[in-house]
Amino acid sequence: MDLLTKPIERSDLMRVLWRQLVNQQGRRVLVLEDDPEIQAIIRNAFEGQDLEFHCVENGQEGLQFLERETPAAVLRDLKMPVMDGFEFLDRMRENRYLKGLPVVVITVKRLTPQEEAQLADKASAVVIKDQNFVPRIRTVLSTIFPELASTGQVETPVD
């Protein structure tokens, strides 16, 4: 149980609310990635860490999934077939129930200042897909799942 005392810091409140949200939504992460190799890299990097990755290959499939279920977070490639990341984020953020859902954009694309500005309001983080992208994803996901250690190990919380 989390106990907050007044005055409550916004960051503490958000941490407690996200923890409760994750407890309700489980440990599912929606991955929108059309490259099966990248899907496998992400799944393998978090293997044995009590996270469930649901992978889809385009934005339309991602929106259909979000109509049925709400994951704890979304990892989203920016450049994909059927619907690019910008359109996906616009359509997803139109849904009032999904406005606060953390979205991590992963991309190989060099972003223009205009694209960075577009993503600033809609994405929780942007991770460049390079040889070190998995540790950066882990760092971002650790804000949602605090027990993910930077070493790749999961610490079991003690109540």
Protein backbone atom coordinates (compact mmCIF):
# COMPACT_ATOMS: atom_id res chain seq x y z
CA MET A 1 0.00 0.00 0.00
CA ASP A 2 1.25 3.46 -0.88
CA LEU A 3 0.84 6.29 1.61
CA LEU A 4 1.08 9.89 0.50
CA THR A 5 1.23 12.76 2.97
CA LYS A 6 0.23 16.35 2.30
CA PRO A 7 1.50 18.36 0.59
CA ILE A 8 1.60 15.78 -2.19
CA GLU A 9 4.26 16.15 -4.86
CA ARG A 10 2.92 15.68 -8.38
CA SER A 11 5.68 13.17 -9.21
CA ASP A 12 4.81 11.05 -6.15
CA LEU A 13 1.13 11.08 -7.05
CA MET A 14 1.86 10.09 -10.65
CA ARG A 15 4.12 7.25 -9.49
CA VAL A 16 1.40 5.86 -7.21
CA LEU A 17 -1.32 6.26 -9.85
CA TRP A 18 0.81 4.51 -12.51
CA ARG A 19 1.56 1.68 -10.11
CA GLN A 20 -2.17 1.22 -9.51
CA LEU A 21 -2.90 1.44 -13.22
CA VAL A 22 -0.27 -1.17 -14.00
CA ASN A 23 -1.71 -3.43 -11.30
CA GLN A 24 -5.11 -3.17 -12.95
CA GLN A 25 -3.86 -3.52 -16.52
CA GLY A 26 -1.34 -6.21 -15.84
CA ARG A 27 2.10 -6.43 -17.30
CA ARG A 28 1.20 -6.19 -20.99
CA VAL A 29 3.10 -4.02 -23.42
CA LEU A 30 1.77 -3.47 -26.93
CA VAL A 31 4.58 -3.49 -29.51
CA LEU A 32 3.87 -2.02 -32.96
CA GLU A 33 6.81 -3.18 -35.05
CA ASP A 34 6.79 -4.60 -38.57
CA ASP A 35 10.27 -6.13 -38.33
CA PRO A 36 10.07 -9.62 -36.76
CA GLU A 37 13.76 -9.39 -35.85
CA ILE A 38 13.20 -6.25 -33.75
CA GLN A 39 10.12 -7.87 -32.16
CA ALA A 40 12.29 -10.84 -31.15
CA ILE A 41 15.06 -8.59 -29.79
CA ILE A 42 12.56 -6.77 -27.57
CA ARG A 43 10.90 -9.98 -26.35
CA ASN A 44 14.24 -11.67 -25.66
CA ALA A 45 15.63 -8.65 -23.82
CA PHE A 46 12.82 -8.86 -21.27
CA GLU A 47 12.46 -12.63 -21.13
CA GLY A 48 11.70 -13.93 -17.66
CA GLN A 49 10.75 -10.51 -16.35
CA ASP A 50 7.03 -11.04 -16.01
CA LEU A 51 6.14 -8.77 -18.93
CA GLU A 52 3.83 -9.86 -21.72
CA PHE A 53 4.57 -8.36 -25.13
CA HIS A 54 1.75 -8.36 -27.66
CA CYS A 55 3.20 -7.60 -31.12
CA VAL A 56 1.29 -6.26 -34.10
CA GLU A 57 2.67 -5.30 -37.50
CA ASN A 58 0.88 -2.03 -38.27
CA GLY A 59 -0.96 0.88 -36.73
CA GLN A 60 -4.41 -0.33 -37.75
CA GLU A 61 -3.86 -3.62 -35.90
CA GLY A 62 -2.59 -1.58 -32.95
CA LEU A 63 -5.75 0.52 -32.80
CA GLN A 64 -7.90 -2.62 -33.07
CA PHE A 65 -5.99 -4.14 -30.14
CA LEU A 66 -6.51 -0.94 -28.10
CA GLU A 67 -10.27 -1.15 -28.72
CA ARG A 68 -10.27 -4.50 -26.89
CA GLU A 69 -7.54 -4.09 -24.28
CA THR A 70 -5.53 -1.40 -22.57
CA PRO A 71 -1.89 -2.33 -22.02
CA ALA A 72 0.36 -0.68 -19.45
CA ALA A 73 2.49 0.83 -22.24
CA VAL A 74 2.98 0.97 -26.01
CA LEU A 75 6.26 0.64 -27.91
CA ARG A 76 5.72 2.06 -31.38
CA ASP A 77 7.90 2.10 -34.49
CA LEU A 78 7.45 5.38 -36.29
CA LYS A 79 7.68 4.23 -39.90
CA MET A 80 5.39 1.30 -40.65
CA PRO A 81 3.00 0.08 -43.33
CA VAL A 82 -0.72 0.92 -43.32
CA MET A 83 -0.45 3.76 -40.77
CA ASP A 84 2.63 5.69 -39.69
CA GLY A 85 3.41 6.53 -36.09
CA PHE A 86 2.18 10.11 -36.31
CA GLU A 87 -1.28 9.12 -37.54
CA PHE A 88 -1.44 6.30 -34.99
CA LEU A 89 -0.63 8.68 -32.13
CA ASP A 90 -3.14 11.26 -33.36
CA ARG A 91 -5.91 8.66 -33.54
CA MET A 92 -4.96 7.00 -30.27
CA ARG A 93 -4.85 10.30 -28.37
CA GLU A 94 -8.36 11.14 -29.63
CA ASN A 95 -9.64 8.41 -27.31
CA ARG A 96 -10.02 9.96 -23.85
CA TYR A 97 -9.28 6.63 -22.17
CA LEU A 98 -5.94 6.32 -23.96
CA LYS A 99 -4.69 9.92 -23.58
CA GLY A 100 -2.51 9.07 -20.59
CA LEU A 101 -1.22 5.75 -21.89
CA PRO A 102 2.60 5.85 -22.07
CA VAL A 103 3.88 5.52 -25.65
CA VAL A 104 7.55 5.01 -26.44
CA VAL A 105 8.38 5.76 -30.06
CA ILE A 106 11.25 3.69 -31.44
CA THR A 107 12.68 4.72 -34.78
CA VAL A 108 15.70 4.68 -37.06
CA LYS A 109 14.46 7.90 -38.65
CA ARG A 110 16.36 11.13 -38.05
CA LEU A 111 13.60 13.43 -36.82
CA THR A 112 13.13 16.94 -38.09
CA PRO A 113 12.47 19.70 -35.53
CA GLN A 114 8.83 19.72 -36.68
CA GLU A 115 8.53 15.95 -36.08
CA GLU A 116 10.16 16.30 -32.66
CA ALA A 117 7.61 18.97 -31.78
CA GLN A 118 4.77 16.73 -33.01
CA LEU A 119 5.96 13.88 -30.81
CA ALA A 120 6.65 16.04 -27.75
CA ASP A 121 2.97 16.23 -26.83
CA LYS A 122 1.99 12.71 -27.83
CA ALA A 123 4.86 10.38 -26.94
CA SER A 124 6.34 9.69 -23.52
CA ALA A 125 9.79 9.13 -25.02
CA VAL A 126 11.58 8.68 -28.34
CA VAL A 127 14.25 6.00 -28.61
CA ILE A 128 16.54 5.81 -31.63
CA LYS A 129 16.91 2.24 -32.92
CA ASP A 130 20.62 1.62 -32.87
CA GLN A 131 22.82 -1.02 -31.28
CA ASN A 132 22.02 0.35 -27.79
CA PHE A 133 18.28 0.87 -28.06
CA VAL A 134 17.22 -1.95 -25.70
CA PRO A 135 18.85 -0.43 -22.58
CA ARG A 136 17.11 2.87 -23.37
CA ILE A 137 13.76 1.07 -23.69
CA ARG A 138 14.47 -0.62 -20.34
CA THR A 139 15.15 2.77 -18.75
CA VAL A 140 11.87 4.18 -20.04
CA LEU A 141 9.87 1.09 -19.07
CA SER A 142 11.38 1.21 -15.57
CA THR A 143 9.37 4.39 -14.98
CA ILE A 144 6.24 2.30 -15.59
CA PHE A 145 7.49 -0.94 -14.06
CA PRO A 146 9.80 0.32 -11.26
CA GLU A 147 11.10 -3.13 -10.42
CA LEU A 148 12.96 -3.36 -13.73
CA ALA A 149 16.56 -2.78 -12.77
CA SER A 150 18.99 -1.18 -15.18
CA THR A 151 21.06 -4.36 -15.03
CA GLY A 152 18.26 -6.31 -16.64
CA GLN A 153 17.30 -8.13 -13.46
CA VAL A 154 13.92 -7.86 -11.82
CA GLU A 155 13.79 -7.07 -8.16
CA THR A 156 10.94 -8.72 -6.33
CA PRO A 157 9.10 -6.11 -4.27
CA VAL A 158 8.69 -6.93 -0.59
CA ASP A 159 5.47 -5.83 1.09
